[in-house]
């Protein structure tokens, strides 16, 4: 009986007169929609520009300049630290003739 009262109270807080099936469908569709948005966001993170010095110069540094100093300085420091491990914006993998010349 205690569980029934708790369940009834929780259900009435969500939607007092809603059909339980409608609520379950809504939650299922919401979960799928948020999952698709999450996957799209993840796919956009794999753009090559995100791993270049151009991203630091054109996105991070201007954003840091518009922040208060206590936020902007750590952003600039992180950009300098990350900049050592990034590729150039015009990076292209070496062709077979270029790699043969370097030997």
PDB file of N, CA and C in Angstrom:
ATOM      1  N   UNK A   1       0.824  -1.184   0.000  1.00  0.00           N
ATOM      2  CA  UNK A   1       0.000   0.000   0.000  1.00  0.00           C
ATOM      3  C   UNK A   1       0.870   1.250   0.000  1.00  0.00           C
ATOM      4  N   UNK A   2       1.981   1.199   0.674  1.00  0.00           N
ATOM      5  CA  UNK A   2       2.875   2.350   0.702  1.00  0.00           C
ATOM      6  C   UNK A   2       3.424   2.647  -0.693  1.00  0.00           C
ATOM      7  N   UNK A   3       3.814   1.596  -1.445  1.00  0.00           N
ATOM      8  CA  UNK A   3       4.313   1.776  -2.803  1.00  0.00           C
ATOM      9  C   UNK A   3       3.244   2.393  -3.693  1.00  0.00           C
ATOM     10  N   UNK A   4       2.004   1.934  -3.550  1.00  0.00           N
ATOM     11  CA  UNK A   4       0.915   2.451  -4.362  1.00  0.00           C
ATOM     12  C   UNK A   4       0.719   3.948  -4.126  1.00  0.00           C
ATOM     13  N   UNK A   5       0.795   4.398  -2.889  1.00  0.00           N
ATOM     14  CA  UNK A   5       0.630   5.814  -2.579  1.00  0.00           C
ATOM     15  C   UNK A   5       1.781   6.624  -3.155  1.00  0.00           C
ATOM     16  N   UNK A   6       3.002   6.095  -3.076  1.00  0.00           N
ATOM     17  CA  UNK A   6       4.162   6.789  -3.624  1.00  0.00           C
ATOM     18  C   UNK A   6       4.057   6.884  -5.137  1.00  0.00           C
ATOM     19  N   UNK A   7       3.656   5.781  -5.782  1.00  0.00           N
ATOM     20  CA  UNK A   7       3.510   5.763  -7.230  1.00  0.00           C
ATOM     21  C   UNK A   7       2.437   6.735  -7.681  1.00  0.00           C
ATOM     22  N   UNK A   8       1.326   6.765  -6.957  1.00  0.00           N
ATOM     23  CA  UNK A   8       0.237   7.673  -7.303  1.00  0.00           C
ATOM     24  C   UNK A   8       0.680   9.133  -7.153  1.00  0.00           C
ATOM     25  N   UNK A   9       1.433   9.436  -6.116  1.00  0.00           N
ATOM     26  CA  UNK A   9       1.909  10.801  -5.900  1.00  0.00           C
ATOM     27  C   UNK A   9       2.866  11.220  -7.005  1.00  0.00           C
ATOM     28  N   UNK A  10       3.806  10.348  -7.357  1.00  0.00           N
ATOM     29  CA  UNK A  10       4.766  10.678  -8.409  1.00  0.00           C
ATOM     30  C   UNK A  10       4.055  10.845  -9.738  1.00  0.00           C
ATOM     31  N   UNK A  11       3.082   9.992 -10.026  1.00  0.00           N
ATOM     32  CA  UNK A  11       2.348  10.095 -11.279  1.00  0.00           C
ATOM     33  C   UNK A  11       1.548  11.380 -11.360  1.00  0.00           C
ATOM     34  N   UNK A  12       0.993  11.814 -10.254  1.00  0.00           N
ATOM     35  CA  UNK A  12       0.195  13.028 -10.277  1.00  0.00           C
ATOM     36  C   UNK A  12       1.060  14.270 -10.436  1.00  0.00           C
ATOM     37  N   UNK A  13       2.328  14.185 -10.049  1.00  0.00           N
ATOM     38  CA  UNK A  13       3.219  15.325 -10.246  1.00  0.00           C
ATOM     39  C   UNK A  13       3.603  15.476 -11.707  1.00  0.00           C
ATOM     40  N   UNK A  14       3.732  14.362 -12.431  1.00  0.00           N
ATOM     41  CA  UNK A  14       4.131  14.428 -13.840  1.00  0.00           C
ATOM     42  C   UNK A  14       2.985  14.965 -14.682  1.00  0.00           C
ATOM     43  N   UNK A  15       1.868  14.294 -14.663  1.00  0.00           N
ATOM     44  CA  UNK A  15       0.716  14.727 -15.440  1.00  0.00           C
ATOM     45  C   UNK A  15      -0.530  14.141 -14.785  1.00  0.00           C
ATOM     46  N   UNK A  16      -1.328  14.943 -14.112  1.00  0.00           N
ATOM     47  CA  UNK A  16      -2.435  14.406 -13.325  1.00  0.00           C
ATOM     48  C   UNK A  16      -3.471  13.631 -14.142  1.00  0.00           C
ATOM     49  N   UNK A  17      -3.784  14.059 -15.348  1.00  0.00           N
ATOM     50  CA  UNK A  17      -4.848  13.426 -16.110  1.00  0.00           C
ATOM     51  C   UNK A  17      -4.339  12.828 -17.422  1.00  0.00           C
ATOM     52  N   UNK A  18      -3.042  12.708 -17.574  1.00  0.00           N
ATOM     53  CA  UNK A  18      -2.495  12.203 -18.838  1.00  0.00           C
ATOM     54  C   UNK A  18      -2.565  10.691 -18.880  1.00  0.00           C
ATOM     55  N   UNK A  19      -2.705  10.209 -20.068  1.00  0.00           N
ATOM     56  CA  UNK A  19      -2.703   8.766 -20.277  1.00  0.00           C
ATOM     57  C   UNK A  19      -1.268   8.265 -20.118  1.00  0.00           C
ATOM     58  N   UNK A  20      -1.081   7.173 -19.396  1.00  0.00           N
ATOM     59  CA  UNK A  20       0.262   6.642 -19.137  1.00  0.00           C
ATOM     60  C   UNK A  20       0.957   6.260 -20.433  1.00  0.00           C
ATOM     61  N   UNK A  21       0.209   5.775 -21.396  1.00  0.00           N
ATOM     62  CA  UNK A  21       0.816   5.390 -22.681  1.00  0.00           C
ATOM     63  C   UNK A  21       1.381   6.611 -23.411  1.00  0.00           C
ATOM     64  N   UNK A  22       0.643   7.709 -23.373  1.00  0.00           N
ATOM     65  CA  UNK A  22       1.115   8.941 -24.008  1.00  0.00           C
ATOM     66  C   UNK A  22       2.415   9.411 -23.367  1.00  0.00           C
ATOM     67  N   UNK A  23       2.480   9.359 -22.058  1.00  0.00           N
ATOM     68  CA  UNK A  23       3.684   9.788 -21.342  1.00  0.00           C
ATOM     69  C   UNK A  23       4.863   8.897 -21.723  1.00  0.00           C
ATOM     70  N   UNK A  24       4.637   7.585 -21.782  1.00  0.00           N
ATOM     71  CA  UNK A  24       5.715   6.662 -22.146  1.00  0.00           C
ATOM     72  C   UNK A  24       6.187   6.901 -23.569  1.00  0.00           C
ATOM     73  N   UNK A  25       5.268   7.136 -24.508  1.00  0.00           N
ATOM     74  CA  UNK A  25       5.649   7.419 -25.897  1.00  0.00           C
ATOM     75  C   UNK A  25       6.432   8.728 -25.986  1.00  0.00           C
ATOM     76  N   UNK A  26       5.959   9.725 -25.261  1.00  0.00           N
ATOM     77  CA  UNK A  26       6.655  11.016 -25.276  1.00  0.00           C
ATOM     78  C   UNK A  26       8.079  10.868 -24.753  1.00  0.00           C
ATOM     79  N   UNK A  27       8.242  10.156 -23.654  1.00  0.00           N
ATOM     80  CA  UNK A  27       9.579   9.954 -23.096  1.00  0.00           C
ATOM     81  C   UNK A  27      10.462   9.159 -24.049  1.00  0.00           C
ATOM     82  N   UNK A  28       9.909   8.163 -24.716  1.00  0.00           N
ATOM     83  CA  UNK A  28      10.673   7.376 -25.677  1.00  0.00           C
ATOM     84  C   UNK A  28      11.120   8.219 -26.866  1.00  0.00           C
ATOM     85  N   UNK A  29      10.205   9.018 -27.414  1.00  0.00           N
ATOM     86  CA  UNK A  29      10.560   9.887 -28.542  1.00  0.00           C
ATOM     87  C   UNK A  29      11.568  10.959 -28.121  1.00  0.00           C
ATOM     88  N   UNK A  30      11.419  11.488 -26.931  1.00  0.00           N
ATOM     89  CA  UNK A  30      12.372  12.488 -26.439  1.00  0.00           C
ATOM     90  C   UNK A  30      13.760  11.888 -26.296  1.00  0.00           C
ATOM     91  N   UNK A  31      13.838  10.674 -25.788  1.00  0.00           N
ATOM     92  CA  UNK A  31      15.116   9.998 -25.614  1.00  0.00           C
ATOM     93  C   UNK A  31      15.793   9.752 -26.975  1.00  0.00           C
ATOM     94  N   UNK A  32      15.017   9.350 -27.968  1.00  0.00           N
ATOM     95  CA  UNK A  32      15.571   9.119 -29.308  1.00  0.00           C
ATOM     96  C   UNK A  32      16.026  10.428 -29.931  1.00  0.00           C
ATOM     97  N   UNK A  33      15.231  11.477 -29.791  1.00  0.00           N
ATOM     98  CA  UNK A  33      15.595  12.782 -30.352  1.00  0.00           C
ATOM     99  C   UNK A  33      16.877  13.309 -29.725  1.00  0.00           C
ATOM    100  N   UNK A  34      16.989  13.241 -28.411  1.00  0.00           N
ATOM    101  CA  UNK A  34      18.203  13.710 -27.744  1.00  0.00           C
ATOM    102  C   UNK A  34      19.411  12.858 -28.138  1.00  0.00           C
ATOM    103  N   UNK A  35      19.210  11.566 -28.337  1.00  0.00           N
ATOM    104  CA  UNK A  35      20.298  10.695 -28.786  1.00  0.00           C
ATOM    105  C   UNK A  35      20.786  11.073 -30.171  1.00  0.00           C
ATOM    106  N   UNK A  36      19.858  11.389 -31.081  1.00  0.00           N
ATOM    107  CA  UNK A  36      20.259  11.802 -32.430  1.00  0.00           C
ATOM    108  C   UNK A  36      20.996  13.134 -32.415  1.00  0.00           C
ATOM    109  N   UNK A  37      20.545  14.058 -31.581  1.00  0.00           N
ATOM    110  CA  UNK A  37      21.257  15.338 -31.445  1.00  0.00           C
ATOM    111  C   UNK A  37      22.660  15.099 -30.900  1.00  0.00           C
ATOM    112  N   UNK A  38      22.794  14.203 -29.933  1.00  0.00           N
ATOM    113  CA  UNK A  38      24.096  13.877 -29.355  1.00  0.00           C
ATOM    114  C   UNK A  38      25.014  13.271 -30.406  1.00  0.00           C
ATOM    115  N   UNK A  39      24.486  12.373 -31.260  1.00  0.00           N
ATOM    116  CA  UNK A  39      25.299  11.784 -32.324  1.00  0.00           C
ATOM    117  C   UNK A  39      25.726  12.823 -33.354  1.00  0.00           C
ATOM    118  N   UNK A  40      24.818  13.741 -33.713  1.00  0.00           N
ATOM    119  CA  UNK A  40      25.171  14.803 -34.649  1.00  0.00           C
ATOM    120  C   UNK A  40      26.269  15.686 -34.066  1.00  0.00           C
ATOM    121  N   UNK A  41      26.156  16.024 -32.808  1.00  0.00           N
ATOM    122  CA  UNK A  41      27.185  16.831 -32.143  1.00  0.00           C
ATOM    123  C   UNK A  41      28.526  16.106 -32.158  1.00  0.00           C
ATOM    124  N   UNK A  42      28.514  14.814 -31.886  1.00  0.00           N
ATOM    125  CA  UNK A  42      29.749  14.034 -31.914  1.00  0.00           C
ATOM    126  C   UNK A  42      30.357  13.981 -33.303  1.00  0.00           C
ATOM    127  N   UNK A  43      29.519  13.849 -34.333  1.00  0.00           N
ATOM    128  CA  UNK A  43      30.029  13.813 -35.708  1.00  0.00           C
ATOM    129  C   UNK A  43      30.650  15.150 -36.097  1.00  0.00           C
ATOM    130  N   UNK A  44      30.060  16.235 -35.645  1.00  0.00           N
ATOM    131  CA  UNK A  44      30.616  17.554 -35.968  1.00  0.00           C
ATOM    132  C   UNK A  44      31.955  17.794 -35.271  1.00  0.00           C
ATOM    133  N   UNK A  45      32.226  17.091 -34.199  1.00  0.00           N
ATOM    134  CA  UNK A  45      33.501  17.251 -33.497  1.00  0.00           C
ATOM    135  C   UNK A  45      34.670  16.672 -34.286  1.00  0.00           C
ATOM    136  N   UNK A  46      34.404  15.829 -35.270  1.00  0.00           N
ATOM    137  CA  UNK A  46      35.474  15.201 -36.038  1.00  0.00           C
ATOM    138  C   UNK A  46      35.895  16.019 -37.257  1.00  0.00           C
ATOM    139  N   UNK A  47      35.526  17.262 -37.337  1.00  0.00           N
ATOM    140  CA  UNK A  47      35.960  18.096 -38.448  1.00  0.00           C
ATOM    141  C   UNK A  47      37.445  18.391 -38.287  1.00  0.00           C
ATOM    142  N   UNK A  48      38.163  18.332 -39.386  1.00  0.00           N
ATOM    143  CA  UNK A  48      39.616  18.515 -39.317  1.00  0.00           C
ATOM    144  C   UNK A  48      39.998  19.913 -38.836  1.00  0.00           C
ATOM    145  N   UNK A  49      39.151  20.896 -39.082  1.00  0.00           N
ATOM    146  CA  UNK A  49      39.451  22.255 -38.639  1.00  0.00           C
ATOM    147  C   UNK A  49      39.563  22.333 -37.121  1.00  0.00           C
ATOM    148  N   UNK A  50      38.863  21.466 -36.423  1.00  0.00           N
ATOM    149  CA  UNK A  50      38.887  21.486 -34.955  1.00  0.00           C
ATOM    150  C   UNK A  50      40.252  21.094 -34.403  1.00  0.00           C
ATOM    151  N   UNK A  51      41.089  20.456 -35.217  1.00  0.00           N
ATOM    152  CA  UNK A  51      42.394  19.981 -34.766  1.00  0.00           C
ATOM    153  C   UNK A  51      43.522  20.757 -35.435  1.00  0.00           C
ATOM    154  N   UNK A  52      43.289  22.028 -35.731  1.00  0.00           N
ATOM    155  CA  UNK A  52      44.301  22.827 -36.415  1.00  0.00           C
ATOM    156  C   UNK A  52      44.583  24.115 -35.645  1.00  0.00           C
ATOM    157  N   UNK A  53      45.657  24.786 -36.029  1.00  0.00           N
ATOM    158  CA  UNK A  53      45.992  26.062 -35.407  1.00  0.00           C
ATOM    159  C   UNK A  53      44.974  27.135 -35.790  1.00  0.00           C
ATOM    160  N   UNK A  54      44.332  26.971 -36.941  1.00  0.00           N
ATOM    161  CA  UNK A  54      43.311  27.923 -37.364  1.00  0.00           C
ATOM    162  C   UNK A  54      42.157  27.994 -36.379  1.00  0.00           C
ATOM    163  N   UNK A  55      41.794  26.875 -35.788  1.00  0.00           N
ATOM    164  CA  UNK A  55      40.723  26.851 -34.793  1.00  0.00           C
ATOM    165  C   UNK A  55      41.105  27.681 -33.579  1.00  0.00           C
ATOM    166  N   UNK A  56      42.366  27.576 -33.178  1.00  0.00           N
ATOM    167  CA  UNK A  56      42.814  28.355 -32.025  1.00  0.00           C
ATOM    168  C   UNK A  56      42.811  29.849 -32.335  1.00  0.00           C
ATOM    169  N   UNK A  57      43.315  30.209 -33.539  1.00  0.00           N
ATOM    170  CA  UNK A  57      43.406  31.629 -33.897  1.00  0.00           C
ATOM    171  C   UNK A  57      42.053  32.249 -34.205  1.00  0.00           C
ATOM    172  N   UNK A  58      41.158  31.503 -34.852  1.00  0.00           N
ATOM    173  CA  UNK A  58      39.900  32.082 -35.316  1.00  0.00           C
ATOM    174  C   UNK A  58      38.728  31.884 -34.363  1.00  0.00           C
ATOM    175  N   UNK A  59      38.825  30.919 -33.443  1.00  0.00           N
ATOM    176  CA  UNK A  59      37.688  30.646 -32.564  1.00  0.00           C
ATOM    177  C   UNK A  59      38.048  30.864 -31.094  1.00  0.00           C
ATOM    178  N   UNK A  60      39.067  30.187 -30.622  1.00  0.00           N
ATOM    179  CA  UNK A  60      39.371  30.208 -29.184  1.00  0.00           C
ATOM    180  C   UNK A  60      39.898  31.566 -28.728  1.00  0.00           C
ATOM    181  N   UNK A  61      40.906  32.091 -29.428  1.00  0.00           N
ATOM    182  CA  UNK A  61      41.496  33.370 -28.985  1.00  0.00           C
ATOM    183  C   UNK A  61      40.515  34.532 -29.054  1.00  0.00           C
ATOM    184  N   UNK A  62      39.709  34.702 -30.124  1.00  0.00           N
ATOM    185  CA  UNK A  62      38.707  35.785 -30.091  1.00  0.00           C
ATOM    186  C   UNK A  62      37.662  35.586 -28.988  1.00  0.00           C
ATOM    187  N   UNK A  63      37.303  34.340 -28.731  1.00  0.00           N
ATOM    188  CA  UNK A  63      36.345  34.083 -27.646  1.00  0.00           C
ATOM    189  C   UNK A  63      36.943  34.443 -26.294  1.00  0.00           C
ATOM    190  N   UNK A  64      38.212  34.126 -26.120  1.00  0.00           N
ATOM    191  CA  UNK A  64      38.876  34.440 -24.856  1.00  0.00           C
ATOM    192  C   UNK A  64      39.027  35.944 -24.662  1.00  0.00           C
ATOM    193  N   UNK A  65      39.204  36.676 -25.754  1.00  0.00           N
ATOM    194  CA  UNK A  65      39.362  38.128 -25.648  1.00  0.00           C
ATOM    195  C   UNK A  65      38.088  38.799 -25.152  1.00  0.00           C
ATOM    196  N   UNK A  66      36.940  38.180 -25.387  1.00  0.00           N
ATOM    197  CA  UNK A  66      35.671  38.775 -24.974  1.00  0.00           C
ATOM    198  C   UNK A  66      35.269  38.366 -23.555  1.00  0.00           C
ATOM    199  N   UNK A  67      36.059  37.536 -22.914  1.00  0.00           N
ATOM    200  CA  UNK A  67      35.735  37.059 -21.569  1.00  0.00           C
ATOM    201  C   UNK A  67      36.435  37.920 -20.516  1.00  0.00           C
ATOM    202  N   UNK A  68      35.963  37.863 -19.275  1.00  0.00           N
ATOM    203  CA  UNK A  68      36.700  38.518 -18.196  1.00  0.00           C
ATOM    204  C   UNK A  68      38.094  37.886 -18.074  1.00  0.00           C
ATOM    205  N   UNK A  69      39.019  38.628 -17.526  1.00  0.00           N
ATOM    206  CA  UNK A  69      40.409  38.178 -17.463  1.00  0.00           C
ATOM    207  C   UNK A  69      40.558  36.849 -16.745  1.00  0.00           C
ATOM    208  N   UNK A  70      39.786  36.613 -15.694  1.00  0.00           N
ATOM    209  CA  UNK A  70      39.940  35.379 -14.932  1.00  0.00           C
ATOM    210  C   UNK A  70      39.465  34.156 -15.714  1.00  0.00           C
ATOM    211  N   UNK A  71      38.707  34.357 -16.793  1.00  0.00           N
ATOM    212  CA  UNK A  71      38.317  33.253 -17.673  1.00  0.00           C
ATOM    213  C   UNK A  71      39.181  33.253 -18.930  1.00  0.00           C
ATOM    214  N   UNK A  72      39.463  34.429 -19.460  1.00  0.00           N
ATOM    215  CA  UNK A  72      40.213  34.543 -20.715  1.00  0.00           C
ATOM    216  C   UNK A  72      41.644  34.065 -20.626  1.00  0.00           C
ATOM    217  N   UNK A  73      42.339  34.380 -19.547  1.00  0.00           N
ATOM    218  CA  UNK A  73      43.740  33.971 -19.418  1.00  0.00           C
ATOM    219  C   UNK A  73      43.905  32.452 -19.386  1.00  0.00           C
ATOM    220  N   UNK A  74      43.099  31.706 -18.624  1.00  0.00           N
ATOM    221  CA  UNK A  74      43.220  30.238 -18.697  1.00  0.00           C
ATOM    222  C   UNK A  74      42.876  29.680 -20.085  1.00  0.00           C
ATOM    223  N   UNK A  75      41.938  30.333 -20.787  1.00  0.00           N
ATOM    224  CA  UNK A  75      41.616  29.879 -22.145  1.00  0.00           C
ATOM    225  C   UNK A  75      42.814  30.057 -23.078  1.00  0.00           C
ATOM    226  N   UNK A  76      43.469  31.213 -22.986  1.00  0.00           N
ATOM    227  CA  UNK A  76      44.650  31.466 -23.817  1.00  0.00           C
ATOM    228  C   UNK A  76      45.774  30.498 -23.448  1.00  0.00           C
ATOM    229  N   UNK A  77      45.966  30.257 -22.155  1.00  0.00           N
ATOM    230  CA  UNK A  77      47.008  29.317 -21.725  1.00  0.00           C
ATOM    231  C   UNK A  77      46.727  27.911 -22.247  1.00  0.00           C
ATOM    232  N   UNK A  78      45.477  27.485 -22.190  1.00  0.00           N
ATOM    233  CA  UNK A  78      45.110  26.162 -22.705  1.00  0.00           C
ATOM    234  C   UNK A  78      45.299  26.100 -24.214  1.00  0.00           C
ATOM    235  N   UNK A  79      45.015  27.194 -24.905  1.00  0.00           N
ATOM    236  CA  UNK A  79      45.211  27.218 -26.358  1.00  0.00           C
ATOM    237  C   UNK A  79      46.690  27.112 -26.712  1.00  0.00           C
ATOM    238  N   UNK A  80      47.550  27.806 -25.965  1.00  0.00           N
ATOM    239  CA  UNK A  80      48.991  27.697 -26.218  1.00  0.00           C
ATOM    240  C   UNK A  80      49.487  26.286 -25.916  1.00  0.00           C
ATOM    241  N   UNK A  81      48.986  25.697 -24.846  1.00  0.00           N
ATOM    242  CA  UNK A  81      49.392  24.346 -24.491  1.00  0.00           C
ATOM    243  C   UNK A  81      48.947  23.341 -25.557  1.00  0.00           C
ATOM    244  N   UNK A  82      47.715  23.471 -26.022  1.00  0.00           N
ATOM    245  CA  UNK A  82      47.190  22.544 -27.032  1.00  0.00           C
ATOM    246  C   UNK A  82      47.806  22.792 -28.398  1.00  0.00           C
ATOM    247  N   UNK A  83      48.248  24.013 -28.651  1.00  0.00           N
ATOM    248  CA  UNK A  83      48.796  24.354 -29.958  1.00  0.00           C
ATOM    249  C   UNK A  83      50.044  23.582 -30.329  1.00  0.00           C
ATOM    250  N   UNK A  84      50.746  23.059 -29.360  1.00  0.00           N
ATOM    251  CA  UNK A  84      51.962  22.310 -29.658  1.00  0.00           C
ATOM    252  C   UNK A  84      51.669  20.966 -30.308  1.00  0.00           C
ATOM    253  N   UNK A  85      50.477  20.440 -30.121  1.00  0.00           N
ATOM    254  CA  UNK A  85      50.141  19.118 -30.623  1.00  0.00           C
ATOM    255  C   UNK A  85      49.159  19.136 -31.790  1.00  0.00           C
ATOM    256  N   UNK A  86      48.891  20.296 -32.358  1.00  0.00           N
ATOM    257  CA  UNK A  86      47.927  20.384 -33.451  1.00  0.00           C
ATOM    258  C   UNK A  86      48.631  20.406 -34.797  1.00  0.00           C
ATOM    259  N   UNK A  87      47.893  20.019 -35.818  1.00  0.00           N
ATOM    260  CA  UNK A  87      48.442  20.061 -37.180  1.00  0.00           C
ATOM    261  C   UNK A  87      48.215  21.451 -37.750  1.00  0.00           C
ATOM    262  N   UNK A  88      48.868  21.747 -38.859  1.00  0.00           N
ATOM    263  CA  UNK A  88      48.634  23.024 -39.520  1.00  0.00           C
ATOM    264  C   UNK A  88      47.304  22.947 -40.250  1.00  0.00           C
ATOM    265  N   UNK A  89      46.732  24.093 -40.590  1.00  0.00           N
ATOM    266  CA  UNK A  89      45.411  24.122 -41.216  1.00  0.00           C
ATOM    267  C   UNK A  89      45.436  23.510 -42.612  1.00  0.00           C
ATOM    268  N   UNK A  90      46.566  23.567 -43.273  1.00  0.00           N
ATOM    269  CA  UNK A  90      46.649  23.040 -44.638  1.00  0.00           C
ATOM    270  C   UNK A  90      47.389  21.717 -44.672  1.00  0.00           C
ATOM    271  N   UNK A  91      47.250  20.929 -43.650  1.00  0.00           N
ATOM    272  CA  UNK A  91      47.952  19.655 -43.574  1.00  0.00           C
ATOM    273  C   UNK A  91      47.401  18.684 -44.602  1.00  0.00           C
ATOM    274  N   UNK A  92      48.293  18.038 -45.331  1.00  0.00           N
ATOM    275  CA  UNK A  92      47.916  16.973 -46.255  1.00  0.00           C
ATOM    276  C   UNK A  92      48.883  15.824 -46.031  1.00  0.00           C
ATOM    277  N   UNK A  93      48.405  14.602 -45.991  1.00  0.00           N
ATOM    278  CA  UNK A  93      49.312  13.481 -45.782  1.00  0.00           C
ATOM    279  C   UNK A  93      50.300  13.371 -46.931  1.00  0.00           C
ATOM    280  N   UNK A  94      51.528  12.961 -46.656  1.00  0.00           N
ATOM    281  CA  UNK A  94      52.520  12.864 -47.723  1.00  0.00           C
ATOM    282  C   UNK A  94      52.140  11.791 -48.737  1.00  0.00           C
ATOM    283  N   UNK A  95      52.428  12.094 -49.981  1.00  0.00           N
ATOM    284  CA  UNK A  95      52.174  11.118 -51.036  1.00  0.00           C
ATOM    285  C   UNK A  95      53.303  10.101 -51.056  1.00  0.00           C
ATOM    286  N   UNK A  96      53.158   9.056 -51.828  1.00  0.00           N
ATOM    287  CA  UNK A  96      54.182   8.012 -51.871  1.00  0.00           C
ATOM    288  C   UNK A  96      55.487   8.539 -52.451  1.00  0.00           C
ATOM    289  N   UNK A  97      55.437   9.485 -53.410  1.00  0.00           N
ATOM    290  CA  UNK A  97      56.678  10.026 -53.977  1.00  0.00           C
ATOM    291  C   UNK A  97      57.390  10.921 -52.970  1.00  0.00           C
ATOM    292  N   UNK A  98      56.646  11.646 -52.129  1.00  0.00           N
ATOM    293  CA  UNK A  98      57.264  12.478 -51.111  1.00  0.00           C
ATOM    294  C   UNK A  98      57.912  11.623 -50.030  1.00  0.00           C
ATOM    295  N   UNK A  99      57.268  10.533 -49.643  1.00  0.00           N
ATOM    296  CA  UNK A  99      57.837   9.700 -48.599  1.00  0.00           C
ATOM    297  C   UNK A  99      59.066   8.945 -49.139  1.00  0.00           C
ATOM    298  N   UNK A 100      59.103   8.656 -50.442  1.00  0.00           N
ATOM    299  CA  UNK A 100      60.271   7.977 -51.028  1.00  0.00           C
ATOM    300  C   UNK A 100      61.457   8.928 -51.074  1.00  0.00           C
ATOM    301  N   UNK A 101      61.184  10.232 -51.320  1.00  0.00           N
ATOM    302  CA  UNK A 101      62.272  11.228 -51.363  1.00  0.00           C
ATOM    303  C   UNK A 101      62.889  11.443 -50.005  1.00  0.00           C
ATOM    304  N   UNK A 102      62.087  11.311 -48.949  1.00  0.00           N
ATOM    305  CA  UNK A 102      62.627  11.580 -47.617  1.00  0.00           C
ATOM    306  C   UNK A 102      63.529  10.455 -47.105  1.00  0.00           C
ATOM    307  N   UNK A 103      63.550   9.331 -47.775  1.00  0.00           N
ATOM    308  CA  UNK A 103      64.396   8.210 -47.350  1.00  0.00           C
ATOM    309  C   UNK A 103      65.773   8.378 -47.792  1.00  0.00           C
TER     310      UNK A 103
END
